[in-house]
Amino acid sequence: MVLHYPNGKPFKKELLQPNTNLKAKNVIYGNRGMSLEEEINISNRYYLQRGKAVIHKKPTPIQIVNVDYPKRSAAVIKEAYFKQASTTDYNGVYRGYYLDFEAKETRNKNSFPLNNFHEHQIIHMQACQRQQGICFAIVKFSMDNELFLLPAQFLFHCWSQKDNGKKSIPKSAIVKHGYQIKYGLHPRIPYLDLVDKLIDNNF
């Protein structure tokens, strides 16, 4: 299926391949083959079922323009367009606070590319922050299976340096200014523990 952005450009999403070079001691078998989005969705269901938070993935409206019917009982979408530019991946309510955040992953080992984010996503998070919402990004270094929560202000600072030629955020800066998220069982990604820290620090 071919998807297009509102400007007509084709949508391309890198498919993550399993890393067969990791030593056994570094592999978390419970997470193998699972995307960051799937891990967050599982975590959000856990939070919802226990009444801790109400956070959902935002649906992306798609306009279908070409459908194939190989069988009378089945239809295959061959071409579609995103109706509008998406904002961020997730939003919801926790402890009376509005949360709005993006989830991104990279196969890079030493830096996170800024072009993984889009300008309209940054603008959206800045608008939410002005309304006292809590915004952040959860990023995953998939080769090392490491997760970090990036506070919005740190992300905004890095984004502002794009005009000076900055193309990525060094992992060392993410370690210094972000919060590492350790995988758990229930929930799989306990990111609300770190949102508590954002709240304690006035975001």
N, C-alpha and C. Protein backbone atom coordinates (compact mmCIF):
# COMPACT_ATOMS: atom_id res chain seq x y z
N MET A 1 0.85 -1.19 0.00
CA MET A 1 0.00 0.00 0.00
C MET A 1 0.88 1.24 0.00
N VAL A 2 0.50 2.23 -0.79
CA VAL A 2 1.24 3.49 -0.86
C VAL A 2 0.47 4.54 -0.08
N LEU A 3 1.14 5.18 0.90
CA LEU A 3 0.56 6.28 1.66
C LEU A 3 1.25 7.56 1.26
N HIS A 4 0.49 8.68 1.24
CA HIS A 4 1.06 9.96 0.87
C HIS A 4 0.78 10.98 1.97
N TYR A 5 1.73 11.92 2.16
CA TYR A 5 1.52 13.05 3.05
C TYR A 5 0.53 14.02 2.39
N PRO A 6 0.01 15.00 3.15
CA PRO A 6 -0.91 15.98 2.55
C PRO A 6 -0.30 16.72 1.36
N ASN A 7 1.04 16.88 1.32
CA ASN A 7 1.67 17.56 0.20
C ASN A 7 1.89 16.65 -1.00
N GLY A 8 1.45 15.39 -0.91
CA GLY A 8 1.55 14.47 -2.03
C GLY A 8 2.77 13.58 -2.02
N LYS A 9 3.75 13.88 -1.16
CA LYS A 9 4.97 13.07 -1.13
C LYS A 9 4.67 11.71 -0.51
N PRO A 10 5.30 10.66 -1.02
CA PRO A 10 5.05 9.32 -0.47
C PRO A 10 5.59 9.19 0.93
N PHE A 11 4.86 8.45 1.78
CA PHE A 11 5.26 8.19 3.16
C PHE A 11 6.17 6.98 3.18
N LYS A 12 7.35 7.13 3.80
CA LYS A 12 8.29 6.03 3.92
C LYS A 12 8.61 5.82 5.38
N LYS A 13 8.51 4.60 5.84
CA LYS A 13 8.82 4.28 7.23
C LYS A 13 9.85 3.18 7.27
N GLU A 14 10.98 3.46 7.91
CA GLU A 14 12.05 2.47 8.00
C GLU A 14 11.60 1.29 8.82
N LEU A 15 11.78 0.11 8.27
CA LEU A 15 11.45 -1.10 9.00
C LEU A 15 12.65 -1.53 9.83
N LEU A 16 12.44 -1.66 11.12
CA LEU A 16 13.53 -2.05 12.00
C LEU A 16 13.81 -3.53 11.85
N GLN A 17 15.07 -3.88 11.68
CA GLN A 17 15.47 -5.26 11.56
C GLN A 17 16.07 -5.72 12.88
N PRO A 18 15.82 -6.97 13.26
CA PRO A 18 16.40 -7.45 14.52
C PRO A 18 17.90 -7.44 14.45
N ASN A 19 18.54 -7.07 15.56
CA ASN A 19 19.99 -7.01 15.62
C ASN A 19 20.52 -8.35 16.10
N THR A 20 21.14 -9.09 15.18
CA THR A 20 21.62 -10.42 15.52
C THR A 20 23.01 -10.39 16.13
N ASN A 21 23.63 -9.21 16.25
CA ASN A 21 24.98 -9.12 16.78
C ASN A 21 25.02 -8.89 18.29
N LEU A 22 23.84 -8.65 18.91
CA LEU A 22 23.84 -8.41 20.34
C LEU A 22 24.19 -9.68 21.09
N LYS A 23 24.98 -9.53 22.11
CA LYS A 23 25.29 -10.67 22.96
C LYS A 23 24.05 -11.05 23.76
N ALA A 24 23.97 -12.30 24.14
CA ALA A 24 22.77 -12.81 24.80
C ALA A 24 22.44 -12.03 26.05
N LYS A 25 23.43 -11.60 26.80
CA LYS A 25 23.17 -10.92 28.07
C LYS A 25 22.53 -9.56 27.87
N ASN A 26 22.62 -9.00 26.65
CA ASN A 26 22.06 -7.69 26.38
C ASN A 26 20.66 -7.76 25.78
N VAL A 27 20.17 -8.95 25.49
CA VAL A 27 18.89 -9.09 24.85
C VAL A 27 17.78 -9.21 25.89
N ILE A 28 16.74 -8.38 25.73
CA ILE A 28 15.57 -8.49 26.58
C ILE A 28 14.54 -9.25 25.78
N TYR A 29 14.39 -10.55 26.03
CA TYR A 29 13.58 -11.39 25.18
C TYR A 29 12.12 -10.99 25.16
N GLY A 30 11.63 -10.41 26.25
CA GLY A 30 10.24 -9.99 26.29
C GLY A 30 9.93 -8.86 25.34
N ASN A 31 10.96 -8.12 24.89
CA ASN A 31 10.75 -6.97 24.03
C ASN A 31 11.15 -7.24 22.58
N ARG A 32 11.70 -8.42 22.32
CA ARG A 32 12.27 -8.68 21.00
C ARG A 32 11.20 -8.59 19.92
N GLY A 33 11.49 -7.81 18.86
CA GLY A 33 10.60 -7.69 17.74
C GLY A 33 9.43 -6.74 17.96
N MET A 34 9.35 -6.10 19.10
CA MET A 34 8.22 -5.21 19.39
C MET A 34 8.64 -3.77 19.16
N SER A 35 7.80 -3.02 18.47
CA SER A 35 8.10 -1.62 18.21
C SER A 35 7.85 -0.78 19.45
N LEU A 36 8.42 0.41 19.47
CA LEU A 36 8.21 1.32 20.60
C LEU A 36 6.73 1.64 20.74
N GLU A 37 6.05 1.84 19.64
CA GLU A 37 4.62 2.15 19.69
C GLU A 37 3.84 1.02 20.36
N GLU A 38 4.15 -0.21 20.02
CA GLU A 38 3.47 -1.35 20.64
C GLU A 38 3.75 -1.41 22.14
N GLU A 39 5.00 -1.13 22.52
CA GLU A 39 5.35 -1.16 23.94
C GLU A 39 4.60 -0.08 24.73
N ILE A 40 4.48 1.11 24.14
CA ILE A 40 3.76 2.19 24.82
C ILE A 40 2.27 1.88 24.89
N ASN A 41 1.72 1.32 23.82
CA ASN A 41 0.30 0.97 23.82
C ASN A 41 -0.02 -0.04 24.92
N ILE A 42 0.85 -1.03 25.09
CA ILE A 42 0.66 -2.03 26.15
C ILE A 42 0.73 -1.35 27.52
N SER A 43 1.68 -0.43 27.68
CA SER A 43 1.83 0.29 28.95
C SER A 43 0.59 1.14 29.24
N ASN A 44 0.09 1.81 28.20
CA ASN A 44 -1.09 2.66 28.38
C ASN A 44 -2.32 1.85 28.76
N ARG A 45 -2.46 0.65 28.20
CA ARG A 45 -3.58 -0.21 28.58
C ARG A 45 -3.47 -0.61 30.06
N TYR A 46 -2.25 -0.87 30.50
CA TYR A 46 -2.03 -1.21 31.91
C TYR A 46 -2.46 -0.04 32.80
N TYR A 47 -2.01 1.18 32.44
CA TYR A 47 -2.36 2.36 33.24
C TYR A 47 -3.87 2.58 33.24
N LEU A 48 -4.52 2.39 32.10
CA LEU A 48 -5.96 2.60 32.00
C LEU A 48 -6.73 1.58 32.84
N GLN A 49 -6.35 0.32 32.75
CA GLN A 49 -7.05 -0.74 33.46
C GLN A 49 -6.96 -0.57 34.97
N ARG A 50 -5.90 0.07 35.44
CA ARG A 50 -5.73 0.28 36.88
C ARG A 50 -6.14 1.67 37.33
N GLY A 51 -6.74 2.42 36.44
CA GLY A 51 -7.26 3.73 36.79
C GLY A 51 -6.20 4.76 37.10
N LYS A 52 -4.98 4.56 36.59
CA LYS A 52 -3.89 5.49 36.90
C LYS A 52 -3.84 6.66 35.92
N ALA A 53 -4.17 6.42 34.66
CA ALA A 53 -4.12 7.47 33.65
C ALA A 53 -4.97 7.06 32.47
N VAL A 54 -5.38 8.06 31.68
CA VAL A 54 -6.13 7.80 30.44
C VAL A 54 -5.33 8.42 29.30
N ILE A 55 -4.58 7.58 28.61
CA ILE A 55 -3.69 8.05 27.55
C ILE A 55 -3.87 7.15 26.34
N HIS A 56 -4.08 7.75 25.18
CA HIS A 56 -4.33 6.97 23.97
C HIS A 56 -3.48 7.48 22.81
N LYS A 57 -3.28 6.60 21.86
CA LYS A 57 -2.63 6.98 20.61
C LYS A 57 -3.64 7.72 19.76
N LYS A 58 -3.20 8.83 19.17
CA LYS A 58 -4.10 9.61 18.33
C LYS A 58 -4.26 8.92 16.97
N PRO A 59 -5.49 8.77 16.51
CA PRO A 59 -5.68 8.21 15.17
C PRO A 59 -5.27 9.22 14.10
N THR A 60 -4.74 8.71 13.01
CA THR A 60 -4.35 9.56 11.89
C THR A 60 -5.37 9.39 10.78
N PRO A 61 -6.15 10.44 10.46
CA PRO A 61 -7.17 10.31 9.41
C PRO A 61 -6.54 10.08 8.04
N ILE A 62 -7.05 9.08 7.32
CA ILE A 62 -6.51 8.71 6.02
C ILE A 62 -7.63 8.72 4.99
N GLN A 63 -7.33 9.28 3.82
CA GLN A 63 -8.27 9.27 2.71
C GLN A 63 -7.86 8.19 1.72
N ILE A 64 -8.71 7.23 1.50
CA ILE A 64 -8.43 6.12 0.59
C ILE A 64 -8.78 6.54 -0.84
N VAL A 65 -7.85 6.31 -1.77
CA VAL A 65 -8.09 6.72 -3.16
C VAL A 65 -8.03 5.55 -4.14
N ASN A 66 -7.49 4.41 -3.71
CA ASN A 66 -7.40 3.28 -4.63
C ASN A 66 -7.53 1.97 -3.85
N VAL A 67 -8.55 1.20 -4.18
CA VAL A 67 -8.81 -0.06 -3.50
C VAL A 67 -8.88 -1.18 -4.53
N ASP A 68 -8.24 -2.30 -4.21
CA ASP A 68 -8.28 -3.47 -5.08
C ASP A 68 -9.13 -4.55 -4.40
N TYR A 69 -9.89 -5.27 -5.18
CA TYR A 69 -10.75 -6.32 -4.66
C TYR A 69 -10.34 -7.67 -5.26
N PRO A 70 -9.25 -8.26 -4.72
CA PRO A 70 -8.80 -9.56 -5.26
C PRO A 70 -9.81 -10.68 -5.03
N LYS A 71 -10.63 -10.54 -3.99
CA LYS A 71 -11.68 -11.50 -3.69
C LYS A 71 -12.95 -10.74 -3.35
N ARG A 72 -14.06 -11.37 -3.55
CA ARG A 72 -15.33 -10.71 -3.25
C ARG A 72 -15.46 -10.39 -1.77
N SER A 73 -14.80 -11.20 -0.92
CA SER A 73 -14.93 -11.03 0.52
C SER A 73 -13.81 -10.19 1.13
N ALA A 74 -12.89 -9.69 0.30
CA ALA A 74 -11.74 -8.95 0.83
C ALA A 74 -11.43 -7.74 -0.05
N ALA A 75 -10.98 -6.68 0.61
CA ALA A 75 -10.55 -5.47 -0.10
C ALA A 75 -9.15 -5.11 0.36
N VAL A 76 -8.30 -4.69 -0.59
CA VAL A 76 -6.93 -4.31 -0.29
C VAL A 76 -6.73 -2.85 -0.67
N ILE A 77 -6.34 -2.04 0.31
CA ILE A 77 -6.07 -0.63 0.04
C ILE A 77 -4.72 -0.52 -0.68
N LYS A 78 -4.74 0.05 -1.88
CA LYS A 78 -3.52 0.16 -2.68
C LYS A 78 -2.87 1.54 -2.57
N GLU A 79 -3.66 2.57 -2.33
CA GLU A 79 -3.13 3.93 -2.25
C GLU A 79 -4.02 4.78 -1.36
N ALA A 80 -3.38 5.59 -0.49
CA ALA A 80 -4.13 6.45 0.42
C ALA A 80 -3.29 7.67 0.77
N TYR A 81 -3.95 8.70 1.26
CA TYR A 81 -3.29 9.95 1.65
C TYR A 81 -3.63 10.28 3.10
N PHE A 82 -2.63 10.81 3.83
CA PHE A 82 -2.94 11.40 5.12
C PHE A 82 -3.73 12.68 4.85
N LYS A 83 -4.90 12.82 5.50
CA LYS A 83 -5.74 13.98 5.24
C LYS A 83 -5.10 15.27 5.75
N GLN A 84 -4.31 15.17 6.81
CA GLN A 84 -3.68 16.35 7.39
C GLN A 84 -2.41 15.93 8.10
N ALA A 85 -1.53 16.91 8.32
CA ALA A 85 -0.28 16.61 9.03
C ALA A 85 -0.61 16.22 10.47
N SER A 86 0.00 15.16 10.94
CA SER A 86 -0.26 14.70 12.30
C SER A 86 0.40 15.64 13.30
N THR A 87 -0.11 15.63 14.53
CA THR A 87 0.52 16.45 15.57
C THR A 87 1.53 15.58 16.30
N THR A 88 1.12 15.00 17.42
CA THR A 88 2.00 14.08 18.13
C THR A 88 1.30 12.73 18.27
N ASP A 89 2.02 11.74 18.77
CA ASP A 89 1.50 10.37 18.79
C ASP A 89 0.45 10.14 19.88
N TYR A 90 0.68 10.71 21.08
CA TYR A 90 -0.15 10.34 22.23
C TYR A 90 -0.61 11.58 23.00
N ASN A 91 -1.80 11.46 23.59
CA ASN A 91 -2.24 12.48 24.54
C ASN A 91 -3.21 11.87 25.53
N GLY A 92 -3.41 12.57 26.64
CA GLY A 92 -4.30 12.06 27.66
C GLY A 92 -4.20 12.85 28.95
N VAL A 93 -4.70 12.25 30.03
CA VAL A 93 -4.76 12.93 31.33
C VAL A 93 -4.12 12.05 32.39
N TYR A 94 -3.31 12.67 33.24
CA TYR A 94 -2.67 11.98 34.36
C TYR A 94 -2.56 12.95 35.53
N ARG A 95 -3.09 12.56 36.67
CA ARG A 95 -3.04 13.38 37.89
C ARG A 95 -3.63 14.77 37.67
N GLY A 96 -4.59 14.88 36.76
CA GLY A 96 -5.19 16.18 36.47
C GLY A 96 -4.41 17.01 35.48
N TYR A 97 -3.30 16.49 34.97
CA TYR A 97 -2.48 17.19 33.98
C TYR A 97 -2.72 16.62 32.59
N TYR A 98 -2.72 17.51 31.61
CA TYR A 98 -2.81 17.08 30.22
C TYR A 98 -1.42 16.69 29.73
N LEU A 99 -1.31 15.50 29.16
CA LEU A 99 -0.05 15.01 28.61
C LEU A 99 -0.13 14.94 27.09
N ASP A 100 0.94 15.30 26.44
CA ASP A 100 1.01 15.24 24.99
C ASP A 100 2.45 14.88 24.62
N PHE A 101 2.64 13.76 23.94
CA PHE A 101 4.04 13.37 23.67
C PHE A 101 4.18 12.58 22.39
N GLU A 102 5.40 12.55 21.95
CA GLU A 102 5.79 11.87 20.70
C GLU A 102 6.68 10.68 21.04
N ALA A 103 6.59 9.63 20.24
CA ALA A 103 7.43 8.45 20.41
C ALA A 103 8.24 8.23 19.14
N LYS A 104 9.55 8.12 19.28
CA LYS A 104 10.44 7.97 18.13
C LYS A 104 11.51 6.93 18.45
N GLU A 105 11.97 6.25 17.40
CA GLU A 105 13.08 5.32 17.60
C GLU A 105 14.07 5.44 16.45
N THR A 106 15.30 5.05 16.74
CA THR A 106 16.37 5.12 15.74
C THR A 106 17.29 3.92 15.88
N ARG A 107 17.92 3.56 14.78
CA ARG A 107 18.92 2.50 14.81
C ARG A 107 20.32 3.07 15.01
N ASN A 108 20.44 4.41 15.03
CA ASN A 108 21.74 5.02 15.33
C ASN A 108 22.15 4.65 16.75
N LYS A 109 23.44 4.55 16.96
CA LYS A 109 23.93 4.17 18.29
C LYS A 109 24.38 5.37 19.12
N ASN A 110 24.85 6.44 18.47
CA ASN A 110 25.48 7.52 19.22
C ASN A 110 24.76 8.86 19.14
N SER A 111 23.67 8.94 18.37
CA SER A 111 22.94 10.20 18.26
C SER A 111 21.52 9.93 17.80
N PHE A 112 20.65 10.93 18.02
CA PHE A 112 19.26 10.82 17.58
C PHE A 112 18.99 11.90 16.54
N PRO A 113 18.64 11.51 15.29
CA PRO A 113 18.45 12.50 14.22
C PRO A 113 17.28 13.43 14.50
N LEU A 114 17.52 14.73 14.34
CA LEU A 114 16.44 15.69 14.56
C LEU A 114 15.38 15.61 13.48
N ASN A 115 15.74 15.09 12.29
CA ASN A 115 14.73 15.00 11.24
C ASN A 115 13.70 13.90 11.51
N ASN A 116 13.86 13.16 12.62
CA ASN A 116 12.80 12.25 13.04
C ASN A 116 11.58 13.01 13.54
N PHE A 117 11.80 14.26 13.93
CA PHE A 117 10.71 15.12 14.34
C PHE A 117 10.35 16.05 13.18
N HIS A 118 9.11 16.57 13.22
CA HIS A 118 8.66 17.51 12.20
C HIS A 118 8.32 18.84 12.85
N GLU A 119 8.48 19.91 12.08
CA GLU A 119 8.28 21.24 12.63
C GLU A 119 6.88 21.41 13.22
N HIS A 120 5.85 20.86 12.55
CA HIS A 120 4.49 21.04 13.07
C HIS A 120 4.30 20.31 14.40
N GLN A 121 5.08 19.26 14.65
CA GLN A 121 5.00 18.57 15.93
C GLN A 121 5.61 19.42 17.05
N ILE A 122 6.72 20.06 16.74
CA ILE A 122 7.36 20.95 17.72
C ILE A 122 6.44 22.14 18.03
N ILE A 123 5.86 22.73 16.98
CA ILE A 123 4.96 23.86 17.17
C ILE A 123 3.75 23.44 18.02
N HIS A 124 3.24 22.25 17.77
CA HIS A 124 2.10 21.75 18.54
C HIS A 124 2.46 21.60 20.02
N MET A 125 3.61 21.01 20.30
CA MET A 125 4.02 20.83 21.70
C MET A 125 4.26 22.16 22.39
N GLN A 126 4.82 23.13 21.66
CA GLN A 126 5.03 24.45 22.24
C GLN A 126 3.69 25.09 22.60
N ALA A 127 2.68 24.91 21.75
CA ALA A 127 1.35 25.47 22.03
C ALA A 127 0.74 24.79 23.25
N CYS A 128 0.92 23.48 23.37
CA CYS A 128 0.40 22.76 24.54
C CYS A 128 1.09 23.21 25.82
N GLN A 129 2.40 23.43 25.74
CA GLN A 129 3.15 23.89 26.92
C GLN A 129 2.64 25.25 27.39
N ARG A 130 2.29 26.10 26.43
CA ARG A 130 1.79 27.42 26.81
C ARG A 130 0.44 27.33 27.54
N GLN A 131 -0.27 26.23 27.35
CA GLN A 131 -1.54 26.01 28.05
C GLN A 131 -1.35 25.15 29.31
N GLN A 132 -0.09 25.06 29.77
CA GLN A 132 0.25 24.32 30.98
C GLN A 132 0.13 22.80 30.81
N GLY A 133 0.17 22.34 29.57
CA GLY A 133 0.23 20.91 29.34
C GLY A 133 1.65 20.40 29.53
N ILE A 134 1.80 19.12 29.76
CA ILE A 134 3.12 18.51 29.93
C ILE A 134 3.47 17.77 28.65
N CYS A 135 4.55 18.19 28.01
CA CYS A 135 4.96 17.61 26.75
C CYS A 135 6.36 17.02 26.86
N PHE A 136 6.60 15.97 26.11
CA PHE A 136 7.90 15.32 26.11
C PHE A 136 7.97 14.36 24.93
N ALA A 137 9.12 13.75 24.77
CA ALA A 137 9.30 12.71 23.75
C ALA A 137 9.90 11.49 24.41
N ILE A 138 9.45 10.32 24.00
CA ILE A 138 10.08 9.07 24.40
C ILE A 138 10.85 8.57 23.20
N VAL A 139 12.16 8.43 23.34
CA VAL A 139 13.00 7.99 22.23
C VAL A 139 13.64 6.65 22.57
N LYS A 140 13.82 5.86 21.56
CA LYS A 140 14.39 4.52 21.74
C LYS A 140 15.58 4.34 20.81
N PHE A 141 16.71 3.94 21.39
CA PHE A 141 17.86 3.50 20.61
C PHE A 141 17.70 1.99 20.44
N SER A 142 17.15 1.60 19.30
CA SER A 142 16.71 0.22 19.13
C SER A 142 17.85 -0.78 19.09
N MET A 143 19.03 -0.37 18.65
CA MET A 143 20.15 -1.30 18.58
C MET A 143 20.61 -1.72 19.98
N ASP A 144 20.47 -0.81 20.95
CA ASP A 144 20.86 -1.12 22.32
C ASP A 144 19.65 -1.34 23.23
N ASN A 145 18.45 -1.19 22.67
CA ASN A 145 17.22 -1.36 23.45
C ASN A 145 17.18 -0.43 24.66
N GLU A 146 17.56 0.84 24.44
CA GLU A 146 17.58 1.83 25.52
C GLU A 146 16.52 2.89 25.26
N LEU A 147 15.85 3.28 26.32
CA LEU A 147 14.76 4.26 26.25
C LEU A 147 15.09 5.49 27.07
N PHE A 148 14.65 6.65 26.57
CA PHE A 148 14.84 7.91 27.30
C PHE A 148 13.60 8.78 27.15
N LEU A 149 13.28 9.50 28.20
CA LEU A 149 12.25 10.53 28.14
C LEU A 149 12.95 11.87 28.02
N LEU A 150 12.62 12.63 26.97
CA LEU A 150 13.22 13.94 26.74
C LEU A 150 12.21 15.02 27.12
N PRO A 151 12.49 15.84 28.13
CA PRO A 151 11.59 16.94 28.46
C PRO A 151 11.46 17.89 27.27
N ALA A 152 10.29 18.49 27.12
CA ALA A 152 10.03 19.33 25.96
C ALA A 152 11.02 20.48 25.84
N GLN A 153 11.38 21.10 26.96
CA GLN A 153 12.28 22.26 26.87
C GLN A 153 13.64 21.86 26.30
N PHE A 154 14.12 20.69 26.64
CA PHE A 154 15.38 20.21 26.08
C PHE A 154 15.22 19.95 24.58
N LEU A 155 14.11 19.35 24.19
CA LEU A 155 13.86 19.09 22.78
C LEU A 155 13.75 20.40 22.00
N PHE A 156 13.04 21.38 22.57
CA PHE A 156 12.91 22.68 21.89
C PHE A 156 14.27 23.33 21.69
N HIS A 157 15.14 23.23 22.70
CA HIS A 157 16.47 23.81 22.61
C HIS A 157 17.27 23.15 21.47
N CYS A 158 17.20 21.85 21.40
CA CYS A 158 17.93 21.13 20.34
C CYS A 158 17.36 21.48 18.97
N TRP A 159 16.06 21.57 18.88
CA TRP A 159 15.42 21.90 17.60
C TRP A 159 15.81 23.30 17.12
N SER A 160 15.93 24.24 18.06
CA SER A 160 16.27 25.62 17.70
C SER A 160 17.66 25.72 17.09
N GLN A 161 18.50 24.73 17.32
CA GLN A 161 19.86 24.76 16.79
C GLN A 161 19.96 24.18 15.37
N LYS A 162 18.82 23.74 14.82
CA LYS A 162 18.83 23.24 13.45
C LYS A 162 19.27 24.32 12.47
N ASP A 163 18.90 25.57 12.78
CA ASP A 163 19.28 26.69 11.90
C ASP A 163 20.78 26.87 11.87
N ASN A 164 21.47 26.38 12.89
CA ASN A 164 22.94 26.48 12.93
C ASN A 164 23.60 25.22 12.37
N GLY A 165 22.81 24.38 11.73
CA GLY A 165 23.38 23.20 11.09
C GLY A 165 23.34 21.94 11.93
N LYS A 166 22.77 22.02 13.12
CA LYS A 166 22.71 20.83 13.98
C LYS A 166 21.73 19.83 13.38
N LYS A 167 22.18 18.60 13.19
CA LYS A 167 21.34 17.59 12.55
C LYS A 167 20.90 16.48 13.49
N SER A 168 21.52 16.39 14.64
CA SER A 168 21.17 15.31 15.56
C SER A 168 21.46 15.71 17.00
N ILE A 169 20.90 14.95 17.92
CA ILE A 169 21.16 15.15 19.34
C ILE A 169 22.12 14.06 19.79
N PRO A 170 23.31 14.43 20.26
CA PRO A 170 24.24 13.40 20.74
C PRO A 170 23.63 12.58 21.86
N LYS A 171 23.90 11.29 21.86
CA LYS A 171 23.36 10.44 22.92
C LYS A 171 23.88 10.88 24.28
N SER A 172 25.10 11.39 24.33
CA SER A 172 25.66 11.86 25.60
C SER A 172 24.81 13.00 26.17
N ALA A 173 24.27 13.87 25.29
CA ALA A 173 23.42 14.97 25.75
C ALA A 173 22.07 14.44 26.23
N ILE A 174 21.57 13.41 25.57
CA ILE A 174 20.31 12.80 25.98
C ILE A 174 20.46 12.16 27.35
N VAL A 175 21.59 11.49 27.58
CA VAL A 175 21.86 10.87 28.88
C VAL A 175 21.93 11.95 29.97
N LYS A 176 22.52 13.09 29.62
CA LYS A 176 22.72 14.16 30.61
C LYS A 176 21.43 14.92 30.91
N HIS A 177 20.64 15.22 29.88
CA HIS A 177 19.49 16.10 30.06
C HIS A 177 18.14 15.38 30.05
N GLY A 178 18.15 14.10 29.67
CA GLY A 178 16.91 13.34 29.66
C GLY A 178 16.84 12.39 30.85
N TYR A 179 15.84 11.54 30.85
CA TYR A 179 15.66 10.55 31.89
C TYR A 179 15.64 9.16 31.25
N GLN A 180 16.51 8.29 31.69
CA GLN A 180 16.48 6.94 31.14
C GLN A 180 15.31 6.17 31.73
N ILE A 181 14.62 5.43 30.88
CA ILE A 181 13.48 4.62 31.30
C ILE A 181 13.93 3.16 31.30
N LYS A 182 13.82 2.52 32.42
CA LYS A 182 14.17 1.11 32.53
C LYS A 182 12.94 0.25 32.23
N TYR A 183 13.12 -0.75 31.41
CA TYR A 183 12.02 -1.65 31.10
C TYR A 183 11.53 -2.35 32.36
N GLY A 184 10.22 -2.56 32.43
CA GLY A 184 9.63 -3.28 33.54
C GLY A 184 8.70 -4.36 33.02
N LEU A 185 7.98 -4.98 33.93
CA LEU A 185 7.00 -5.99 33.54
C LEU A 185 5.59 -5.40 33.50
N HIS A 186 5.21 -4.70 34.57
CA HIS A 186 3.88 -4.11 34.67
C HIS A 186 4.02 -2.71 35.26
N PRO A 187 4.04 -1.68 34.39
CA PRO A 187 3.93 -1.72 32.94
C PRO A 187 5.26 -2.01 32.27
N ARG A 188 5.20 -2.29 31.00
CA ARG A 188 6.43 -2.57 30.24
C ARG A 188 7.34 -1.34 30.21
N ILE A 189 6.74 -0.17 29.94
CA ILE A 189 7.49 1.09 29.96
C ILE A 189 6.88 1.99 31.03
N PRO A 190 7.48 2.07 32.21
CA PRO A 190 6.91 2.84 33.32
C PRO A 190 7.24 4.34 33.22
N TYR A 191 6.82 4.95 32.12
CA TYR A 191 7.22 6.34 31.87
C TYR A 191 6.53 7.34 32.79
N LEU A 192 5.39 6.98 33.39
CA LEU A 192 4.72 7.92 34.27
C LEU A 192 5.52 8.19 35.54
N ASP A 193 6.40 7.27 35.91
CA ASP A 193 7.29 7.52 37.05
C ASP A 193 8.16 8.74 36.78
N LEU A 194 8.54 8.92 35.52
CA LEU A 194 9.38 10.06 35.15
C LEU A 194 8.55 11.31 34.91
N VAL A 195 7.28 11.13 34.50
CA VAL A 195 6.40 12.29 34.40
C VAL A 195 6.20 12.90 35.79
N ASP A 196 6.18 12.05 36.82
CA ASP A 196 6.12 12.56 38.20
C ASP A 196 7.28 13.51 38.47
N LYS A 197 8.46 13.18 37.95
CA LYS A 197 9.64 14.04 38.15
C LYS A 197 9.46 15.36 37.40
N LEU A 198 8.87 15.30 36.18
CA LEU A 198 8.61 16.53 35.46
C LEU A 198 7.67 17.43 36.24
N ILE A 199 6.65 16.83 36.82
CA ILE A 199 5.69 17.60 37.62
C ILE A 199 6.38 18.21 38.84
N ASP A 200 7.21 17.42 39.52
CA ASP A 200 7.94 17.94 40.69
C ASP A 200 8.85 19.10 40.32
N ASN A 201 9.38 19.06 39.07
CA ASN A 201 10.28 20.12 38.61
C ASN A 201 9.56 21.19 37.81
N ASN A 202 8.22 21.23 37.94
CA ASN A 202 7.39 22.20 37.19
C ASN A 202 7.57 22.06 35.69
N PHE A 203 7.67 20.79 35.26
CA PHE A 203 7.78 20.37 33.86
C PHE A 203 9.17 20.60 33.31
